Protein backbone atom coordinates (compact mmCIF):
# COMPACT_ATOMS: atom_id res chain seq x y z
CA MET A 1 61.27 7.80 32.17
CA ARG A 2 59.25 10.77 33.43
CA LYS A 3 59.91 12.65 30.17
CA ALA A 4 58.84 9.59 28.18
CA SER A 5 55.62 9.21 30.23
CA ALA A 6 54.75 12.88 29.71
CA LEU A 7 55.34 12.57 25.98
CA TYR A 8 53.17 9.44 25.86
CA ARG A 9 50.28 11.22 27.63
CA LEU A 10 50.52 14.16 25.20
CA VAL A 11 50.38 11.92 22.11
CA ALA A 12 47.47 9.87 23.52
CA SER A 13 45.48 13.03 24.23
CA GLY A 14 46.02 14.22 20.67
CA ILE A 15 44.81 10.94 19.24
CA ALA A 16 41.64 11.01 21.42
CA ALA A 17 40.87 14.56 20.36
CA GLY A 18 41.28 13.62 16.71
CA VAL A 19 38.80 10.73 17.07
CA LEU A 20 36.26 13.01 18.76
CA LEU A 21 36.51 15.68 16.06
CA CYS A 22 36.14 13.14 13.24
CA SER A 23 32.90 11.83 14.75
CA CYS A 24 31.17 15.25 14.57
CA GLY A 25 29.09 16.58 11.68
CA GLN A 26 27.19 14.48 9.08
CA PRO A 27 26.67 10.77 9.75
CA THR A 28 28.99 8.48 7.85
CA ALA A 29 27.42 7.27 4.59
CA PRO A 30 27.32 3.52 3.93
CA PRO A 31 30.12 2.26 1.68
CA ALA A 32 29.53 2.52 -2.06
CA SER A 33 29.91 -1.23 -2.41
CA SER A 34 26.98 -1.92 -0.08
CA ALA A 35 24.19 -3.96 -1.68
CA THR A 36 21.61 -1.60 -0.20
CA GLN A 37 23.13 1.57 -1.63
CA ALA A 38 20.50 3.57 -3.60
CA PRO A 39 21.27 4.59 -7.17
CA ALA A 40 21.06 8.27 -8.01
CA ALA A 41 17.49 9.40 -8.74
CA ALA A 42 16.61 10.39 -12.26
CA ALA A 43 15.37 13.93 -12.71
CA GLY A 44 11.67 14.09 -11.87
CA ALA A 45 11.56 10.47 -10.69
CA PRO A 46 9.15 9.70 -7.86
CA ALA A 47 10.61 9.37 -4.40
CA VAL A 48 9.94 5.98 -2.90
CA ALA A 49 9.50 4.97 0.73
CA GLY A 50 8.92 1.55 2.16
CA PRO A 51 5.61 0.31 3.57
CA GLY A 52 4.53 2.38 6.54
CA ALA A 53 7.58 4.65 6.31
CA ALA A 54 7.56 8.40 5.95
CA GLY A 55 10.98 8.84 4.39
CA GLY A 56 12.34 5.38 3.65
CA ALA A 57 12.14 1.78 4.65
CA ALA A 58 13.53 0.80 8.01
CA GLY A 59 16.81 -1.08 7.86
CA GLY A 60 18.06 0.04 4.45
CA TYR A 61 17.78 2.22 1.39
CA ILE A 62 14.96 2.02 -1.16
CA PRO A 63 15.80 2.68 -4.82
CA ARG A 64 14.50 5.99 -6.11
CA GLY A 65 12.77 6.08 -9.47
CA ALA A 66 11.60 2.47 -9.16
CA ASP A 67 8.48 1.40 -11.03
CA PRO A 68 5.65 1.63 -8.45
CA GLU A 69 4.09 -1.57 -9.81
CA SER A 70 7.26 -3.44 -8.81
CA LEU A 71 7.09 -2.26 -5.19
CA PRO A 72 5.38 -4.04 -2.28
CA PRO A 73 1.77 -3.01 -1.55
CA GLY A 74 1.70 -0.16 0.93
CA SER A 75 4.89 1.43 -0.38
CA VAL A 76 4.68 5.21 -0.66
CA VAL A 77 5.75 7.10 -3.79
CA ARG A 78 5.91 10.81 -4.51
CA ASN A 79 3.88 11.87 -7.54
CA PRO A 80 6.13 14.37 -9.34
CA LYS A 81 3.20 16.15 -10.97
CA SER A 82 1.11 16.81 -7.86
CA GLY A 83 3.91 16.68 -5.28
CA ARG A 84 1.70 14.41 -3.13
CA ASP A 85 2.58 11.05 -1.66
CA GLU A 86 0.60 8.12 -3.07
CA VAL A 87 0.34 4.52 -1.94
CA VAL A 88 1.04 1.41 -4.00
CA VAL A 89 -2.10 -0.73 -4.30
CA PRO A 90 -2.04 -4.17 -5.94
CA ASP A 91 -4.12 -4.92 -9.04
CA MET A 92 -5.30 -1.39 -9.73
CA ARG A 93 -7.02 -2.56 -12.92
CA HIS A 94 -9.64 -4.25 -10.75
CA THR A 95 -9.73 -1.70 -7.92
CA ALA A 96 -12.28 1.01 -7.18
CA LEU A 97 -11.15 4.06 -5.23
CA LEU A 98 -13.89 4.72 -2.66
CA ILE A 99 -13.99 8.05 -0.85
CA GLY A 100 -16.53 8.10 1.94
CA ASP A 101 -17.56 8.24 5.57
CA SER A 102 -18.62 5.72 8.22
CA GLN A 103 -21.10 4.11 5.81
CA SER A 104 -18.11 3.04 3.70
CA GLU A 105 -15.44 2.61 6.35
CA PRO A 106 -16.23 -0.90 7.72
CA ALA A 107 -14.91 -3.89 5.79
CA ASP A 108 -18.55 -4.89 5.23
CA GLY A 109 -19.83 -1.36 4.67
CA TRP A 110 -22.64 -1.44 2.12
CA PRO A 111 -20.82 0.74 -0.47
CA ARG A 112 -17.93 -1.75 -0.35
CA LEU A 113 -20.29 -4.70 -0.66
CA GLY A 114 -22.02 -3.07 -3.63
CA LEU A 115 -18.72 -2.52 -5.42
CA ALA A 116 -17.58 -6.07 -4.65
CA ALA A 117 -20.86 -7.37 -6.08
CA VAL A 118 -19.97 -5.91 -9.49
CA GLY A 119 -16.41 -7.15 -9.50
CA TYR A 120 -14.25 -4.53 -7.80
CA LYS A 121 -11.67 -4.64 -5.08
CA VAL A 122 -11.81 -1.50 -2.94
CA HIS A 123 -9.21 1.03 -1.82
CA PHE A 124 -10.84 3.25 0.79
CA CYS A 125 -9.94 6.87 1.50
CA GLY A 126 -11.88 8.74 4.16
CA LEU A 127 -13.06 8.30 7.72
CA GLY A 128 -16.21 8.26 9.78
CA GLY A 129 -17.50 11.68 10.73
CA THR A 130 -16.25 13.38 7.57
CA GLY A 131 -17.89 14.61 4.40
CA PHE A 132 -17.69 17.25 1.71
CA VAL A 133 -17.59 19.94 4.42
CA ALA A 134 -17.69 17.98 7.69
CA ALA A 135 -14.51 17.08 9.57
CA ASN A 136 -14.13 14.93 12.68
CA GLY A 137 -11.13 16.40 14.50
CA LYS A 138 -8.80 13.58 13.39
CA THR A 139 -8.93 14.31 9.69
CA GLY A 140 -10.33 17.03 7.46
CA ASN A 141 -13.23 16.95 5.06
CA TYR A 142 -12.72 15.08 1.80
CA ILE A 143 -10.91 17.76 -0.19
CA ASP A 144 -8.94 19.22 2.73
CA ALA A 145 -7.82 15.74 3.80
CA LEU A 146 -6.63 15.05 0.26
CA GLU A 147 -4.77 18.32 -0.13
CA ARG A 148 -2.94 18.15 3.20
CA GLY A 149 -2.17 14.43 2.98
CA ASP A 150 -4.41 13.04 5.73
CA TRP A 151 -4.90 10.05 3.44
CA LYS A 152 -3.14 9.02 0.25
CA LEU A 153 -4.57 8.39 -3.19
CA PRO A 154 -3.43 5.18 -4.89
CA SER A 155 -0.57 5.27 -7.38
CA GLY A 156 -1.63 4.28 -10.89
CA ASP A 157 -5.13 4.45 -12.33
CA PRO A 158 -8.09 2.81 -10.55
CA ALA A 159 -10.83 1.16 -12.57
CA LEU A 160 -13.49 3.40 -10.98
CA ILE A 161 -13.75 6.28 -8.50
CA VAL A 162 -16.78 6.44 -6.21
CA ILE A 163 -17.56 9.36 -3.89
CA GLN A 164 -20.07 8.61 -1.14
CA GLY A 165 -21.35 10.79 1.68
CA GLY A 166 -23.27 13.82 2.80
CA GLY A 167 -24.73 12.51 6.04
CA ASN A 168 -22.22 14.27 8.27
CA ASP A 169 -22.61 17.46 6.27
CA ALA A 170 -26.33 17.31 7.00
CA ALA A 171 -25.70 16.63 10.70
CA GLN A 172 -23.17 19.46 11.06
CA GLY A 173 -25.33 22.06 9.34
CA ALA A 174 -23.29 22.58 6.16
CA THR A 175 -25.05 24.81 3.66
CA ASP A 176 -25.85 23.88 0.08
CA ALA A 177 -23.28 26.39 -1.14
CA GLN A 178 -20.53 24.93 1.07
CA ILE A 179 -21.29 21.37 0.00
CA VAL A 180 -21.35 22.24 -3.70
CA ALA A 181 -18.16 24.31 -3.52
CA ASN A 182 -16.16 21.56 -1.81
CA ALA A 183 -17.65 18.80 -3.97
CA ASP A 184 -16.65 20.78 -7.07
CA ARG A 185 -13.09 21.05 -5.74
CA LEU A 186 -12.91 17.35 -4.95
CA ILE A 187 -14.26 16.24 -8.32
CA GLY A 188 -11.89 18.63 -10.08
CA ALA A 189 -8.88 17.29 -8.16
CA LEU A 190 -9.80 13.66 -8.87
CA LYS A 191 -10.41 14.26 -12.57
CA ASP A 192 -7.12 16.11 -12.81
CA ARG A 193 -5.25 13.24 -11.15
CA TYR A 194 -7.09 10.42 -12.95
CA PRO A 195 -8.30 11.94 -16.25
CA GLY A 196 -9.15 8.59 -17.84
CA THR A 197 -11.04 7.06 -14.90
CA ARG A 198 -14.81 6.98 -14.56
CA VAL A 199 -16.25 8.78 -11.53
CA ALA A 200 -19.56 7.96 -9.84
CA MET A 201 -21.35 9.29 -6.76
CA ILE A 202 -23.51 7.73 -4.06
CA GLY A 203 -25.79 10.05 -2.13
CA THR A 204 -26.93 10.29 1.47
CA LEU A 205 -28.81 7.38 3.03
CA ALA A 206 -32.13 8.58 4.44
CA ARG A 207 -35.84 7.86 4.87
CA GLY A 208 -37.16 10.09 2.12
CA THR A 209 -38.42 13.67 2.07
CA ASN A 210 -41.98 12.77 3.04
CA TYR A 211 -41.00 10.19 5.66
CA GLY A 212 -38.77 12.10 8.02
CA GLY A 213 -35.66 12.21 5.84
CA GLY A 214 -35.14 15.87 6.68
CA ARG A 215 -31.82 17.46 5.81
CA ARG A 216 -30.26 14.12 4.85
CA ALA A 217 -32.79 13.63 2.06
CA GLN A 218 -32.22 17.22 0.94
CA VAL A 219 -28.44 16.69 0.71
CA ASP A 220 -28.99 13.50 -1.30
CA ALA A 221 -31.07 15.45 -3.82
CA LEU A 222 -28.49 18.26 -3.90
CA LEU A 223 -25.71 15.79 -4.68
CA GLY A 224 -27.80 14.29 -7.47
CA THR A 225 -28.12 17.71 -9.09
CA LEU A 226 -24.41 18.36 -8.71
CA ALA A 227 -23.49 14.97 -10.21
CA ALA A 228 -25.74 15.65 -13.21
CA ARG A 229 -24.00 18.98 -13.78
CA HIS A 230 -20.64 17.19 -13.86
CA GLY A 231 -21.96 14.37 -16.04
CA ILE A 232 -21.30 11.83 -13.29
CA PRO A 233 -23.49 8.72 -12.75
CA PHE A 234 -25.34 9.05 -9.45
CA VAL A 235 -27.03 6.55 -7.15
CA GLY A 236 -29.57 8.39 -5.01
CA VAL A 237 -30.17 6.65 -1.69
CA GLY A 238 -32.11 9.43 0.03
CA ASP A 239 -35.29 7.36 0.34
CA TRP A 240 -33.93 3.81 0.51
CA LEU A 241 -34.65 3.28 4.20
CA THR A 242 -38.33 3.82 3.47
CA LYS A 243 -38.51 2.51 -0.10
CA TYR A 244 -37.04 -0.85 0.87
CA SER A 245 -38.41 -1.00 4.45
CA LEU A 246 -34.92 -1.02 5.96
CA ALA A 247 -35.48 1.25 8.95
CA LYS A 248 -35.91 -1.93 11.00
CA ASN A 249 -32.25 -2.75 10.25
CA LEU A 250 -30.85 0.48 11.67
CA ALA A 251 -28.29 -0.15 14.41
CA ASP A 252 -28.61 3.49 15.46
CA ALA A 253 -30.13 6.60 13.92
CA VAL A 254 -28.08 6.44 10.70
CA HIS A 255 -26.03 3.21 10.53
CA MET A 256 -27.19 -0.24 9.48
CA ASN A 257 -26.74 -3.56 11.23
CA ALA A 258 -25.01 -6.41 9.39
CA ALA A 259 -28.21 -7.61 7.72
CA GLY A 260 -29.03 -4.08 6.59
CA ARG A 261 -25.54 -3.54 5.18
CA LYS A 262 -25.81 -6.77 3.21
CA THR A 263 -29.20 -5.80 1.77
CA LEU A 264 -28.04 -2.29 0.86
CA GLY A 265 -24.90 -3.71 -0.76
CA GLY A 266 -27.03 -5.90 -3.00
CA LEU A 267 -29.26 -2.98 -3.94
CA LEU A 268 -26.26 -0.80 -4.72
CA GLY A 269 -24.75 -3.52 -6.89
CA ASP A 270 -27.99 -3.71 -8.88
CA ASN A 271 -27.95 0.06 -9.41
CA LEU A 272 -24.30 0.07 -10.47
CA ARG A 273 -25.12 -2.53 -13.11
CA LYS A 274 -28.03 -0.42 -14.38
CA LEU A 275 -25.58 2.45 -14.79
CA ASN A 276 -23.16 0.12 -16.63
CA LEU A 277 -20.54 0.64 -13.91
CA GLN A 278 -19.71 -3.03 -13.34
CA LEU A 279 -16.08 -4.01 -13.84
């Protein structure tokens, strides 16, 4: 009996060691018959991740090479041409891509209201405190944020691209040369990504050169010159606070209260129509 017990302990130890060794290394792949198994990706097909995921949807596999238009809004796809991740946005045919700062960031920001007034839905890229050169510590300026993936362009072609800003560049002391250089890079990147999409620019909200507009009014004029050089429609807003007596609607030194945002949105919509930029 003692010999049998010793033999039993030896066999049991060997079995335990075998189980331990088999559990090391790569995780076990799900069975091929699983309904969630991903098909092999076609060469050059975009990688697809689920909404809010960096590398795949939680709880299962996402098919690679799927048509982005068939995916849920918020899904992330890899653009094979640029190598950048892009986000799936519903109804791109009626959507304007808006790149901007804190004037555009709120849901009722006046650039958004102006675009809505002429028929667009809005996909916003940007953040308060940023600009062509200015960064806010959380994200880079417009072109740097795009290139390093701080925010994602939409997959597919938007109906219109609008670039708004310049106020933070004025506040942070960016030079004309810096603003122009980064704006040129941004416009070039957007035209390369969306070659068939119209691009427009909105300048820097201010009081006007002769009414205390200062550097903000100067940046608005600079952006107007740059837009003309690129052949881009431009809405100059560098004197609107004075021209339309809206300084009374300032919530602080540069941002509007709700009534002011609504008024500016209506004015912007009128200007977009004059430029034939309505949807």
